[in-house]
Amino acid sequence: MQRFSKSIKVVLFAYLLITAMLYFLQEKLIFLPSKLPQEFEFSFRHDFEEVSLAAEDGSLLNSIHFKQDNPKGLILYFHGNAGDLSRWGDITSFFVDRKYDVLVMDYRTYGKSTGKLSEDALHSDAQLFYDYALKQYEEHQIILYGRSLGTGIATKLASKNNPNKLILETPYYSLMEVARERFPFLPVTWFMKYKLLTYEFIKSVSCPITIFHGTSDNVIPYKSGRRLFDAIPRQTKDFYTIVEGGHNNLIEFDDYLNGINKALP
């Protein structure tokens, strides 16, 4: 009996230790930034302007603004959880090729951006760049595009404004749900600092919504994106199932390209 009681205590201690570790390390699991020196010079094949905006708390948010003559509109792009603008600038050049201006920012701690991360900061920084865009474009010209981590941010932003449309690539029903699936034995609801409840945000979005998700996504399950789509209460919406598509390779599939042709004519 004493041996059984001791075993229970050991298991309980281990459980509490793992829970505590995840609580304090959750930012390192969610955010995978790479840093750039402030003097780093970007190089892309399209014309661009490097723009840094100051947040209310003094943080500086770095971005790349691709510009061209007579663009079809502006894509305000919110990227995934890894890398920095030296990578995402190349990725978003796909949309510049399609004759859209693109504005893509680095989140706090990414690239040259500074400041302390929090969910509130992610949303307020997104609004900062939306307001910057409104100084140069009519609101009906602004398209919000979120990829992976950025889908929750883009959706919340769309719910607070009136962009032309919202496009989501590999989105989650909520970041909380993704954490529950990954750690089903832990009380993630209690300690998650970054809930990103996209399913709640999307109920207040009034513009057309397009979602792309691959059936072989091993980061954000396909069913999470599908469940999010089903949570959209009304308005124009499209869902593109990319059969065998993964988390980072949808651009290689015709179904994605055909969907983009419709969403971004």
Foldseek 3Di string as FASTA:
>chain_A
DVVVVVVVVVVVVVQVVVQVCCLVCVCVVQAAADEADPPDDADDPADWDWDWDADPVGWIKIKIKGDDPPAQFEEEEEEGRYYACSVVVHVCVVVVVVRHIYIYIDADPHYHTHDDDAQVSLQRVSVVVVVVVVVPGPQQRYEYEYAEVRLLSSLLNLLVDPHQEYEYELYFCWVLVLVCVVCVPHPCVVRDRGTSRSLVSLQRHDHEYEYEYECAAPRHHPVRRVVSQVSHDDDHYYYFYQYVDYRPPSVVGPSVVVVCVVVPD
